[in-house]
């Protein structure tokens, strides 16, 4: 049975390992090898989410199955190392969309409800804080899940090039109920 809890600083090494595995494995059907390498520079762990206590992890019998969170900060995507993408300014729930961030599933748990569970947790938490809308920046591998969960495309875009390679991305949004 899948269980969830908020991530703590003690979870950071396991979260980093899961993210690296998910980036390398689950994107193979969607990105070229060069795009996967480039995606490592723009994706990854944002420890601000853990510090803000808005980052969840999902486990099955103590095994990390996935992770993801939401944010009341302006950063839309990117990890600690993605300095050019980061903006710690607080959002206004009356006017801004909460951000769904850093969703990763262990390949052994793909298509078993982990991502849906995390999205439900994020949406409920953001709604409880007064947000009426959520936005995210989807990878091509994540886009089908987000569509199935009610998110709609806002725009197709790409990351800034990393060694000449840009990663295709999709900005998506959803009204929260």
C-alpha atoms as a PDB file:
ATOM      1  CA  UNK A   1       0.000   0.000   0.000  1.00  0.00           C
ATOM      2  CA  UNK A   2       1.276   3.459  -0.904  1.00  0.00           C
ATOM      3  CA  UNK A   3       1.712   5.912   1.964  1.00  0.00           C
ATOM      4  CA  UNK A   4       2.764   9.547   1.944  1.00  0.00           C
ATOM      5  CA  UNK A   5       4.475  12.006   4.240  1.00  0.00           C
ATOM      6  CA  UNK A   6       6.271  15.318   4.048  1.00  0.00           C
ATOM      7  CA  UNK A   7       9.945  15.031   3.170  1.00  0.00           C
ATOM      8  CA  UNK A   8      12.577  16.137   5.666  1.00  0.00           C
ATOM      9  CA  UNK A   9      16.222  17.079   5.294  1.00  0.00           C
ATOM     10  CA  UNK A  10      17.159  13.494   6.233  1.00  0.00           C
ATOM     11  CA  UNK A  11      15.464  12.348   2.998  1.00  0.00           C
ATOM     12  CA  UNK A  12      17.585  14.527   0.690  1.00  0.00           C
ATOM     13  CA  UNK A  13      20.150  11.860  -0.372  1.00  0.00           C
ATOM     14  CA  UNK A  14      17.406   9.351  -1.239  1.00  0.00           C
ATOM     15  CA  UNK A  15      15.420  12.023  -3.102  1.00  0.00           C
ATOM     16  CA  UNK A  16      18.462  13.013  -5.177  1.00  0.00           C
ATOM     17  CA  UNK A  17      19.126   9.375  -6.093  1.00  0.00           C
ATOM     18  CA  UNK A  18      15.498   8.811  -7.101  1.00  0.00           C
ATOM     19  CA  UNK A  19      15.454  11.958  -9.239  1.00  0.00           C
ATOM     20  CA  UNK A  20      18.632  10.977 -11.102  1.00  0.00           C
ATOM     21  CA  UNK A  21      17.211   7.530 -11.824  1.00  0.00           C
ATOM     22  CA  UNK A  22      13.857   8.924 -12.968  1.00  0.00           C
ATOM     23  CA  UNK A  23      15.464  11.542 -15.229  1.00  0.00           C
ATOM     24  CA  UNK A  24      17.713   8.956 -16.867  1.00  0.00           C
ATOM     25  CA  UNK A  25      15.151   6.170 -17.223  1.00  0.00           C
ATOM     26  CA  UNK A  26      11.627   7.550 -17.630  1.00  0.00           C
ATOM     27  CA  UNK A  27      12.471  10.146 -20.269  1.00  0.00           C
ATOM     28  CA  UNK A  28      14.097   7.735 -22.742  1.00  0.00           C
ATOM     29  CA  UNK A  29      10.918   7.380 -24.806  1.00  0.00           C
ATOM     30  CA  UNK A  30      10.494  11.158 -25.013  1.00  0.00           C
ATOM     31  CA  UNK A  31      13.962  12.735 -25.238  1.00  0.00           C
ATOM     32  CA  UNK A  32      17.194  12.132 -27.088  1.00  0.00           C
ATOM     33  CA  UNK A  33      20.264  11.109 -25.057  1.00  0.00           C
ATOM     34  CA  UNK A  34      21.620  14.664 -25.408  1.00  0.00           C
ATOM     35  CA  UNK A  35      18.311  16.125 -24.147  1.00  0.00           C
ATOM     36  CA  UNK A  36      18.397  13.798 -21.146  1.00  0.00           C
ATOM     37  CA  UNK A  37      21.904  14.986 -20.295  1.00  0.00           C
ATOM     38  CA  UNK A  38      20.782  18.614 -20.682  1.00  0.00           C
ATOM     39  CA  UNK A  39      17.707  17.980 -18.532  1.00  0.00           C
ATOM     40  CA  UNK A  40      19.930  17.168 -15.557  1.00  0.00           C
ATOM     41  CA  UNK A  41      21.058  20.809 -15.567  1.00  0.00           C
ATOM     42  CA  UNK A  42      17.503  22.194 -15.336  1.00  0.00           C
ATOM     43  CA  UNK A  43      15.744  19.537 -13.257  1.00  0.00           C
ATOM     44  CA  UNK A  44      16.378  18.183  -9.814  1.00  0.00           C
ATOM     45  CA  UNK A  45      15.900  18.791  -6.145  1.00  0.00           C
ATOM     46  CA  UNK A  46      14.857  22.200  -4.849  1.00  0.00           C
ATOM     47  CA  UNK A  47      15.618  21.993  -1.130  1.00  0.00           C
ATOM     48  CA  UNK A  48      13.491  25.112  -0.540  1.00  0.00           C
ATOM     49  CA  UNK A  49      10.423  22.892  -1.038  1.00  0.00           C
ATOM     50  CA  UNK A  50      11.612  20.573   1.738  1.00  0.00           C
ATOM     51  CA  UNK A  51      12.409  23.524   4.016  1.00  0.00           C
ATOM     52  CA  UNK A  52       8.960  25.001   3.319  1.00  0.00           C
ATOM     53  CA  UNK A  53       7.368  21.621   4.192  1.00  0.00           C
ATOM     54  CA  UNK A  54       5.544  21.478   0.850  1.00  0.00           C
ATOM     55  CA  UNK A  55       7.383  18.451  -0.560  1.00  0.00           C
ATOM     56  CA  UNK A  56       5.900  14.976  -0.307  1.00  0.00           C
ATOM     57  CA  UNK A  57       7.330  11.545  -0.698  1.00  0.00           C
ATOM     58  CA  UNK A  58       5.429   8.359  -1.366  1.00  0.00           C
ATOM     59  CA  UNK A  59       6.598   4.999  -0.094  1.00  0.00           C
ATOM     60  CA  UNK A  60       5.505   1.393  -0.306  1.00  0.00           C
ATOM     61  CA  UNK A  61       6.655  -0.738   2.624  1.00  0.00           C
ATOM     62  CA  UNK A  62       9.417   1.770   3.368  1.00  0.00           C
ATOM     63  CA  UNK A  63      10.672   1.890  -0.249  1.00  0.00           C
ATOM     64  CA  UNK A  64      10.729   5.331  -1.863  1.00  0.00           C
ATOM     65  CA  UNK A  65       8.307   5.204  -4.813  1.00  0.00           C
ATOM     66  CA  UNK A  66       8.116   8.868  -5.764  1.00  0.00           C
ATOM     67  CA  UNK A  67       8.235  12.468  -4.684  1.00  0.00           C
ATOM     68  CA  UNK A  68       6.836  15.832  -5.625  1.00  0.00           C
ATOM     69  CA  UNK A  69       5.509  18.983  -4.122  1.00  0.00           C
ATOM     70  CA  UNK A  70       3.972  22.348  -4.515  1.00  0.00           C
ATOM     71  CA  UNK A  71       5.179  25.835  -3.752  1.00  0.00           C
ATOM     72  CA  UNK A  72       3.931  29.210  -2.709  1.00  0.00           C
ATOM     73  CA  UNK A  73       7.081  30.697  -4.267  1.00  0.00           C
ATOM     74  CA  UNK A  74       7.510  32.130  -7.777  1.00  0.00           C
ATOM     75  CA  UNK A  75      10.008  29.521  -9.048  1.00  0.00           C
ATOM     76  CA  UNK A  76       8.219  27.419 -11.670  1.00  0.00           C
ATOM     77  CA  UNK A  77      10.822  24.681 -12.126  1.00  0.00           C
ATOM     78  CA  UNK A  78      14.456  23.791 -11.569  1.00  0.00           C
ATOM     79  CA  UNK A  79      16.670  22.470  -8.831  1.00  0.00           C
ATOM     80  CA  UNK A  80      19.086  24.086  -6.406  1.00  0.00           C
ATOM     81  CA  UNK A  81      21.725  24.126  -9.146  1.00  0.00           C
ATOM     82  CA  UNK A  82      19.420  25.954 -11.621  1.00  0.00           C
ATOM     83  CA  UNK A  83      20.174  29.391 -10.217  1.00  0.00           C
ATOM     84  CA  UNK A  84      18.888  31.351 -13.208  1.00  0.00           C
ATOM     85  CA  UNK A  85      15.429  29.791 -12.831  1.00  0.00           C
ATOM     86  CA  UNK A  86      14.964  30.458  -9.126  1.00  0.00           C
ATOM     87  CA  UNK A  87      12.794  33.187  -7.590  1.00  0.00           C
ATOM     88  CA  UNK A  88      11.983  32.787  -3.880  1.00  0.00           C
ATOM     89  CA  UNK A  89       9.380  35.597  -3.905  1.00  0.00           C
ATOM     90  CA  UNK A  90       6.144  34.537  -2.230  1.00  0.00           C
ATOM     91  CA  UNK A  91       3.069  34.272  -4.428  1.00  0.00           C
ATOM     92  CA  UNK A  92      -0.280  35.869  -3.621  1.00  0.00           C
ATOM     93  CA  UNK A  93      -2.985  33.177  -3.505  1.00  0.00           C
ATOM     94  CA  UNK A  94      -5.615  35.763  -4.453  1.00  0.00           C
ATOM     95  CA  UNK A  95      -3.884  36.466  -7.758  1.00  0.00           C
ATOM     96  CA  UNK A  96      -1.188  33.856  -8.453  1.00  0.00           C
ATOM     97  CA  UNK A  97      -1.211  30.141  -9.206  1.00  0.00           C
ATOM     98  CA  UNK A  98       0.486  27.769  -6.790  1.00  0.00           C
ATOM     99  CA  UNK A  99       3.366  25.875  -8.382  1.00  0.00           C
ATOM    100  CA  UNK A 100       3.458  22.092  -8.646  1.00  0.00           C
ATOM    101  CA  UNK A 101       7.127  21.181  -8.556  1.00  0.00           C
ATOM    102  CA  UNK A 102       9.716  18.446  -8.907  1.00  0.00           C
ATOM    103  CA  UNK A 103       7.538  15.394  -9.535  1.00  0.00           C
ATOM    104  CA  UNK A 104       9.521  12.155  -9.877  1.00  0.00           C
ATOM    105  CA  UNK A 105       8.535   8.497  -9.800  1.00  0.00           C
ATOM    106  CA  UNK A 106      10.900   5.581  -9.340  1.00  0.00           C
ATOM    107  CA  UNK A 107      10.819   3.593 -12.608  1.00  0.00           C
ATOM    108  CA  UNK A 108       9.770   0.437 -10.719  1.00  0.00           C
ATOM    109  CA  UNK A 109       6.641   2.294  -9.549  1.00  0.00           C
ATOM    110  CA  UNK A 110       5.711   4.010 -12.842  1.00  0.00           C
ATOM    111  CA  UNK A 111       2.009   3.895 -13.741  1.00  0.00           C
ATOM    112  CA  UNK A 112       0.985   2.671 -10.292  1.00  0.00           C
ATOM    113  CA  UNK A 113      -0.734   5.832  -9.041  1.00  0.00           C
ATOM    114  CA  UNK A 114       2.257   7.516  -7.410  1.00  0.00           C
ATOM    115  CA  UNK A 115       2.069  10.688  -9.513  1.00  0.00           C
ATOM    116  CA  UNK A 116      -1.705  10.978  -9.111  1.00  0.00           C
ATOM    117  CA  UNK A 117      -1.364  10.589  -5.357  1.00  0.00           C
ATOM    118  CA  UNK A 118       1.244  13.355  -5.161  1.00  0.00           C
ATOM    119  CA  UNK A 119      -0.836  15.660  -7.360  1.00  0.00           C
ATOM    120  CA  UNK A 120      -3.882  15.153  -5.108  1.00  0.00           C
ATOM    121  CA  UNK A 121      -1.770  15.983  -2.037  1.00  0.00           C
ATOM    122  CA  UNK A 122      -0.346  19.108  -3.695  1.00  0.00           C
ATOM    123  CA  UNK A 123      -3.701  20.340  -4.944  1.00  0.00           C
ATOM    124  CA  UNK A 124      -5.369  19.830  -1.555  1.00  0.00           C
ATOM    125  CA  UNK A 125      -2.572  21.644   0.280  1.00  0.00           C
ATOM    126  CA  UNK A 126      -2.556  24.579  -2.153  1.00  0.00           C
ATOM    127  CA  UNK A 127      -6.345  24.829  -2.023  1.00  0.00           C
ATOM    128  CA  UNK A 128      -6.228  24.837   1.789  1.00  0.00           C
ATOM    129  CA  UNK A 129      -3.901  27.860   1.616  1.00  0.00           C
ATOM    130  CA  UNK A 130      -6.334  29.741  -0.616  1.00  0.00           C
ATOM    131  CA  UNK A 131      -4.943  29.056  -4.080  1.00  0.00           C
ATOM    132  CA  UNK A 132      -7.580  28.654  -6.788  1.00  0.00           C
ATOM    133  CA  UNK A 133      -5.185  27.629  -9.522  1.00  0.00           C
ATOM    134  CA  UNK A 134      -2.014  25.580  -9.968  1.00  0.00           C
ATOM    135  CA  UNK A 135       0.637  25.712 -12.690  1.00  0.00           C
ATOM    136  CA  UNK A 136       3.598  23.533 -13.516  1.00  0.00           C
ATOM    137  CA  UNK A 137       6.299  23.048 -16.100  1.00  0.00           C
ATOM    138  CA  UNK A 138       5.935  19.538 -17.494  1.00  0.00           C
ATOM    139  CA  UNK A 139       8.507  17.377 -19.147  1.00  0.00           C
ATOM    140  CA  UNK A 140       7.270  15.483 -22.181  1.00  0.00           C
ATOM    141  CA  UNK A 141       7.332  12.330 -20.034  1.00  0.00           C
ATOM    142  CA  UNK A 142       5.097  13.964 -17.420  1.00  0.00           C
ATOM    143  CA  UNK A 143       2.663  15.664 -19.787  1.00  0.00           C
ATOM    144  CA  UNK A 144       0.325  12.639 -20.216  1.00  0.00           C
ATOM    145  CA  UNK A 145      -0.136  12.324 -16.434  1.00  0.00           C
ATOM    146  CA  UNK A 146      -0.881  16.009 -16.005  1.00  0.00           C
ATOM    147  CA  UNK A 147      -3.383  15.992 -18.882  1.00  0.00           C
ATOM    148  CA  UNK A 148      -5.114  12.965 -17.357  1.00  0.00           C
ATOM    149  CA  UNK A 149      -5.321  14.870 -14.051  1.00  0.00           C
ATOM    150  CA  UNK A 150      -6.994  17.924 -15.580  1.00  0.00           C
ATOM    151  CA  UNK A 151      -4.046  20.180 -16.405  1.00  0.00           C
ATOM    152  CA  UNK A 152      -4.210  21.987 -19.754  1.00  0.00           C
ATOM    153  CA  UNK A 153      -1.393  23.293 -21.894  1.00  0.00           C
ATOM    154  CA  UNK A 154      -0.627  26.993 -21.524  1.00  0.00           C
ATOM    155  CA  UNK A 155       2.404  27.001 -23.815  1.00  0.00           C
ATOM    156  CA  UNK A 156       5.041  24.754 -25.356  1.00  0.00           C
ATOM    157  CA  UNK A 157       8.515  26.022 -24.650  1.00  0.00           C
ATOM    158  CA  UNK A 158      12.039  24.799 -23.997  1.00  0.00           C
ATOM    159  CA  UNK A 159      14.750  25.299 -21.437  1.00  0.00           C
ATOM    160  CA  UNK A 160      17.670  27.573 -22.099  1.00  0.00           C
ATOM    161  CA  UNK A 161      20.222  25.546 -24.072  1.00  0.00           C
ATOM    162  CA  UNK A 162      22.746  23.515 -22.093  1.00  0.00           C
ATOM    163  CA  UNK A 163      25.837  22.888 -24.210  1.00  0.00           C
ATOM    164  CA  UNK A 164      23.700  23.776 -27.221  1.00  0.00           C
ATOM    165  CA  UNK A 165      20.821  21.449 -26.326  1.00  0.00           C
ATOM    166  CA  UNK A 166      17.414  22.744 -25.183  1.00  0.00           C
ATOM    167  CA  UNK A 167      14.962  20.510 -23.328  1.00  0.00           C
ATOM    168  CA  UNK A 168      11.340  20.651 -24.591  1.00  0.00           C
ATOM    169  CA  UNK A 169       8.877  21.634 -21.843  1.00  0.00           C
ATOM    170  CA  UNK A 170       5.145  22.325 -21.528  1.00  0.00           C
ATOM    171  CA  UNK A 171       3.731  24.952 -19.167  1.00  0.00           C
ATOM    172  CA  UNK A 172       0.382  23.698 -17.892  1.00  0.00           C
ATOM    173  CA  UNK A 173      -2.330  24.966 -15.557  1.00  0.00           C
ATOM    174  CA  UNK A 174      -5.452  23.854 -13.737  1.00  0.00           C
ATOM    175  CA  UNK A 175      -8.208  25.395 -11.668  1.00  0.00           C
ATOM    176  CA  UNK A 176      -8.369  23.880  -8.205  1.00  0.00           C
ATOM    177  CA  UNK A 177     -11.701  22.785  -6.750  1.00  0.00           C
END
